[in-house]
Protein backbone atom coordinates (compact mmCIF):
# COMPACT_ATOMS: atom_id res chain seq x y z
CA UNK A 1 -233.74 -8.11 48.53
CA UNK A 2 -235.72 -8.38 45.38
CA UNK A 3 -235.76 -11.10 42.88
CA UNK A 4 -233.60 -9.51 40.32
CA UNK A 5 -230.90 -8.75 42.82
CA UNK A 6 -231.09 -12.16 44.46
CA UNK A 7 -230.80 -13.94 40.86
CA UNK A 8 -228.03 -11.45 39.94
CA UNK A 9 -226.21 -12.42 43.01
CA UNK A 10 -226.73 -16.16 42.50
CA UNK A 11 -225.69 -16.19 38.90
CA UNK A 12 -222.44 -14.28 39.85
CA UNK A 13 -221.54 -16.51 42.82
CA UNK A 14 -222.56 -19.83 41.33
CA UNK A 15 -221.90 -19.30 37.55
CA UNK A 16 -219.33 -16.74 37.61
CA UNK A 17 -221.14 -14.35 35.33
CA UNK A 18 -219.93 -10.64 35.80
CA UNK A 19 -222.50 -8.81 37.77
CA UNK A 20 -222.26 -5.74 35.40
CA UNK A 21 -223.30 -8.03 32.57
CA UNK A 22 -226.36 -9.02 34.47
CA UNK A 23 -228.77 -6.17 33.40
CA UNK A 24 -232.51 -6.48 32.66
CA UNK A 25 -232.06 -6.39 28.88
CA UNK A 26 -229.01 -8.49 28.62
CA UNK A 27 -229.86 -11.36 26.34
CA UNK A 28 -229.25 -14.94 27.84
CA UNK A 29 -227.40 -15.79 24.56
CA UNK A 30 -224.91 -12.85 25.25
CA UNK A 31 -224.46 -14.23 28.88
CA UNK A 32 -223.61 -17.63 27.30
CA UNK A 33 -226.51 -19.31 28.96
CA UNK A 34 -227.55 -22.20 26.76
CA UNK A 35 -229.99 -25.00 27.29
CA UNK A 36 -227.64 -27.00 29.46
CA UNK A 37 -226.63 -23.94 31.60
CA UNK A 38 -230.21 -22.99 31.79
CA UNK A 39 -231.00 -26.35 33.44
CA UNK A 40 -228.07 -25.80 35.89
CA UNK A 41 -229.30 -22.41 36.82
CA UNK A 42 -232.82 -23.62 37.25
CA UNK A 43 -231.78 -26.14 39.81
CA UNK A 44 -229.81 -23.45 41.71
CA UNK A 45 -232.85 -21.07 41.39
CA UNK A 46 -235.34 -23.70 42.70
CA UNK A 47 -233.10 -24.26 45.77
CA UNK A 48 -232.46 -20.48 46.32
CA UNK A 49 -235.85 -19.32 46.07
CA UNK A 50 -237.72 -22.36 47.36
CA UNK A 51 -239.87 -22.84 44.05
CA UNK A 52 -240.35 -25.50 41.56
CA UNK A 53 -240.06 -24.81 37.86
CA UNK A 54 -242.58 -27.04 35.95
CA UNK A 55 -242.31 -25.55 32.57
CA UNK A 56 -240.68 -27.66 29.67
CA UNK A 57 -237.17 -26.63 28.43
CA UNK A 58 -238.66 -25.59 24.89
CA UNK A 59 -241.22 -23.40 26.60
CA UNK A 60 -238.71 -21.67 28.58
CA UNK A 61 -236.41 -21.22 25.70
CA UNK A 62 -239.32 -19.64 23.71
CA UNK A 63 -240.41 -17.36 26.70
CA UNK A 64 -237.10 -16.28 28.32
CA UNK A 65 -234.78 -14.26 25.98
CA UNK A 66 -233.33 -11.82 28.50
CA UNK A 67 -232.10 -11.79 32.06
CA UNK A 68 -235.12 -9.55 32.88
CA UNK A 69 -237.43 -12.17 31.46
CA UNK A 70 -235.80 -14.87 33.65
CA UNK A 71 -236.15 -12.74 36.71
CA UNK A 72 -239.75 -11.88 35.88
CA UNK A 73 -240.59 -15.61 35.44
CA UNK A 74 -239.11 -16.42 38.68
CA UNK A 75 -241.02 -13.71 40.41
CA UNK A 76 -244.44 -15.27 39.14
CA UNK A 77 -243.31 -18.46 40.71
CA UNK A 78 -242.28 -16.87 44.04
CA UNK A 79 -245.38 -14.84 44.24
CA UNK A 80 -248.22 -16.72 42.36
CA UNK A 81 -250.98 -14.27 41.12
């Protein structure tokens, strides 16, 4: 299962976000993922993907605008360059 599919499954299961809304270009704002929810999601992501997110919340908020951005960011942590 690729990162995008695994993340989609995680957000649907743990945060009750409808799968059909979890498209690459769906904005995090439209998915109702605010700062607090992002922290909760990142805790789940760290456990599910066995990674550590070390970026500051402000950096993530500036960098991650869509569900695809989040999946791409996680991919960089799963498979470091």
